[in-house]
Amino acid sequence: MRHINEVIIHCTATPTGQHVTIGDINNWHNARGFGNCGYHYVIDYDGKVLNGRPEDEQGAHCQGHNARSIGIAYIGGMDAKTRMPKDTRTKLQK
C-alpha cells in the first residue's frame, strides 16, 4: 500500500460545457506518455465521481508528488469565450 499524505486538485483545462470522458483523458494522457488517466478520480459537471486509476497505483498528475498523493480533477477550468483559466466548477462539482 502506498503512503498517501497529499490530495491534489486539478482541472481538465477544458472550456466550460465541453463534454469530457475518462476515455478522452486516457487518450490525452497516453499521448503524453502517462499510461492512461493520470488522475485517480475525475468529477463530472453533475458531481458524479468517475474512476481514473486505482488509488494503489501511483498517479501521473503532479511531478515530484505522484508517489505520495491522490490526484483529483474536475472537468472544466477554462472560460469558453476567452479560453483563459477560470473557476468553472458547478455547485455539484464543489
C-alpha atoms as a PDB file:
ATOM      1  CA  MET A   1       0.000   0.000   0.000  1.00  0.00           C
ATOM      2  CA  ARG A   2       1.246   3.472  -0.871  1.00  0.00           C
ATOM      3  CA  HIS A   3       1.768   6.057   1.852  1.00  0.00           C
ATOM      4  CA  ILE A   4      -0.547   8.919   0.830  1.00  0.00           C
ATOM      5  CA  ASN A   5      -0.208  12.292   2.524  1.00  0.00           C
ATOM      6  CA  GLU A   6      -1.478  14.678  -0.160  1.00  0.00           C
ATOM      7  CA  VAL A   7      -4.628  15.198  -2.177  1.00  0.00           C
ATOM      8  CA  ILE A   8      -4.005  17.372  -5.222  1.00  0.00           C
ATOM      9  CA  ILE A   9      -6.895  19.025  -7.059  1.00  0.00           C
ATOM     10  CA  HIS A  10      -6.670  19.776 -10.779  1.00  0.00           C
ATOM     11  CA  CYS A  11      -8.955  20.796 -13.608  1.00  0.00           C
ATOM     12  CA  THR A  12      -9.013  19.332 -17.097  1.00  0.00           C
ATOM     13  CA  ALA A  13      -8.311  22.814 -18.563  1.00  0.00           C
ATOM     14  CA  THR A  14     -11.219  22.437 -20.949  1.00  0.00           C
ATOM     15  CA  PRO A  15     -13.778  25.117 -21.858  1.00  0.00           C
ATOM     16  CA  THR A  16     -16.957  25.366 -19.811  1.00  0.00           C
ATOM     17  CA  GLY A  17     -19.567  22.932 -21.104  1.00  0.00           C
ATOM     18  CA  GLN A  18     -17.192  20.789 -23.168  1.00  0.00           C
ATOM     19  CA  HIS A  19     -18.097  17.133 -22.779  1.00  0.00           C
ATOM     20  CA  VAL A  20     -15.082  15.188 -21.479  1.00  0.00           C
ATOM     21  CA  THR A  21     -14.939  11.474 -20.717  1.00  0.00           C
ATOM     22  CA  ILE A  22     -12.418   9.273 -18.944  1.00  0.00           C
ATOM     23  CA  GLY A  23     -11.674   7.909 -22.417  1.00  0.00           C
ATOM     24  CA  ASP A  24     -10.747  11.421 -23.595  1.00  0.00           C
ATOM     25  CA  ILE A  25      -8.445  11.901 -20.613  1.00  0.00           C
ATOM     26  CA  ASN A  26      -6.911   8.463 -21.202  1.00  0.00           C
ATOM     27  CA  ASN A  27      -6.148   9.481 -24.793  1.00  0.00           C
ATOM     28  CA  TRP A  28      -4.637  12.845 -23.767  1.00  0.00           C
ATOM     29  CA  HIS A  29      -2.511  11.274 -21.052  1.00  0.00           C
ATOM     30  CA  ASN A  30      -1.428   8.334 -23.248  1.00  0.00           C
ATOM     31  CA  ALA A  31      -0.250  10.859 -25.839  1.00  0.00           C
ATOM     32  CA  ARG A  32       1.878  12.487 -23.112  1.00  0.00           C
ATOM     33  CA  GLY A  33       3.309   9.122 -22.033  1.00  0.00           C
ATOM     34  CA  PHE A  34       1.385   8.856 -18.746  1.00  0.00           C
ATOM     35  CA  GLY A  35      -0.125   5.439 -19.479  1.00  0.00           C
ATOM     36  CA  ASN A  36      -3.854   6.254 -19.245  1.00  0.00           C
ATOM     37  CA  CYS A  37      -5.616   8.705 -16.944  1.00  0.00           C
ATOM     38  CA  GLY A  38      -3.083  10.196 -14.549  1.00  0.00           C
ATOM     39  CA  TYR A  39      -5.805  11.183 -12.050  1.00  0.00           C
ATOM     40  CA  HIS A  40      -7.315   8.805  -9.552  1.00  0.00           C
ATOM     41  CA  TYR A  41     -10.711  10.496  -9.755  1.00  0.00           C
ATOM     42  CA  VAL A  42     -12.446  12.896 -12.128  1.00  0.00           C
ATOM     43  CA  ILE A  43     -15.518  14.933 -11.140  1.00  0.00           C
ATOM     44  CA  ASP A  44     -18.066  15.428 -13.923  1.00  0.00           C
ATOM     45  CA  TYR A  45     -20.310  18.521 -14.230  1.00  0.00           C
ATOM     46  CA  ASP A  46     -23.146  16.698 -12.468  1.00  0.00           C
ATOM     47  CA  GLY A  47     -20.928  15.887  -9.477  1.00  0.00           C
ATOM     48  CA  LYS A  48     -20.514  12.253 -10.437  1.00  0.00           C
ATOM     49  CA  VAL A  49     -17.120  10.930  -9.376  1.00  0.00           C
ATOM     50  CA  LEU A  50     -15.519   8.893 -12.142  1.00  0.00           C
ATOM     51  CA  ASN A  51     -12.712   6.439 -11.503  1.00  0.00           C
ATOM     52  CA  GLY A  52      -9.396   7.125 -13.183  1.00  0.00           C
ATOM     53  CA  ARG A  53      -6.560   4.929 -11.971  1.00  0.00           C
ATOM     54  CA  PRO A  54      -6.677   2.814  -8.782  1.00  0.00           C
ATOM     55  CA  GLU A  55      -5.546   4.518  -5.566  1.00  0.00           C
ATOM     56  CA  ASP A  56      -2.885   1.865  -5.009  1.00  0.00           C
ATOM     57  CA  GLU A  57      -1.291   2.863  -8.328  1.00  0.00           C
ATOM     58  CA  GLN A  58       0.945   5.939  -8.433  1.00  0.00           C
ATOM     59  CA  GLY A  59      -0.673   8.808 -10.294  1.00  0.00           C
ATOM     60  CA  ALA A  60       0.698  10.871 -13.157  1.00  0.00           C
ATOM     61  CA  HIS A  61      -0.639  14.310 -12.325  1.00  0.00           C
ATOM     62  CA  CYS A  62       1.927  16.334 -10.323  1.00  0.00           C
ATOM     63  CA  GLN A  63       5.624  15.802 -10.910  1.00  0.00           C
ATOM     64  CA  GLY A  64       7.515  15.204  -7.674  1.00  0.00           C
ATOM     65  CA  HIS A  65       4.324  14.396  -5.732  1.00  0.00           C
ATOM     66  CA  ASN A  66       2.802  11.425  -7.570  1.00  0.00           C
ATOM     67  CA  ALA A  67       4.233   8.720  -5.313  1.00  0.00           C
ATOM     68  CA  ARG A  68       2.504  10.063  -2.201  1.00  0.00           C
ATOM     69  CA  SER A  69      -0.676  11.698  -3.478  1.00  0.00           C
ATOM     70  CA  ILE A  70      -4.154  11.160  -4.816  1.00  0.00           C
ATOM     71  CA  GLY A  71      -4.990  13.204  -7.920  1.00  0.00           C
ATOM     72  CA  ILE A  72      -8.491  14.538  -8.425  1.00  0.00           C
ATOM     73  CA  ALA A  73      -9.559  16.624 -11.430  1.00  0.00           C
ATOM     74  CA  TYR A  74     -12.794  18.418 -12.123  1.00  0.00           C
ATOM     75  CA  ILE A  75     -13.960  18.788 -15.707  1.00  0.00           C
ATOM     76  CA  GLY A  76     -13.649  22.392 -16.844  1.00  0.00           C
ATOM     77  CA  GLY A  77     -11.388  25.166 -15.657  1.00  0.00           C
ATOM     78  CA  MET A  78     -11.336  27.329 -18.770  1.00  0.00           C
ATOM     79  CA  ASP A  79     -13.648  30.155 -19.826  1.00  0.00           C
ATOM     80  CA  ALA A  80     -15.385  29.093 -23.045  1.00  0.00           C
ATOM     81  CA  LYS A  81     -15.153  32.564 -24.645  1.00  0.00           C
ATOM     82  CA  THR A  82     -11.741  33.833 -23.563  1.00  0.00           C
ATOM     83  CA  ARG A  83     -10.110  30.398 -23.168  1.00  0.00           C
ATOM     84  CA  MET A  84      -8.441  31.767 -20.034  1.00  0.00           C
ATOM     85  CA  PRO A  85      -8.267  29.917 -16.700  1.00  0.00           C
ATOM     86  CA  LYS A  86     -11.457  30.283 -14.672  1.00  0.00           C
ATOM     87  CA  ASP A  87     -13.110  28.522 -11.750  1.00  0.00           C
ATOM     88  CA  THR A  88     -15.902  26.878 -13.717  1.00  0.00           C
ATOM     89  CA  ARG A  89     -16.925  24.344 -11.085  1.00  0.00           C
ATOM     90  CA  THR A  90     -20.639  23.697 -10.848  1.00  0.00           C
ATOM     91  CA  LYS A  91     -22.387  23.529  -7.482  1.00  0.00           C
ATOM     92  CA  LEU A  92     -22.442  19.756  -7.849  1.00  0.00           C
ATOM     93  CA  GLN A  93     -18.721  19.588  -8.585  1.00  0.00           C
ATOM     94  CA  LYS A  94     -17.963  21.616  -5.466  1.00  0.00           C
END
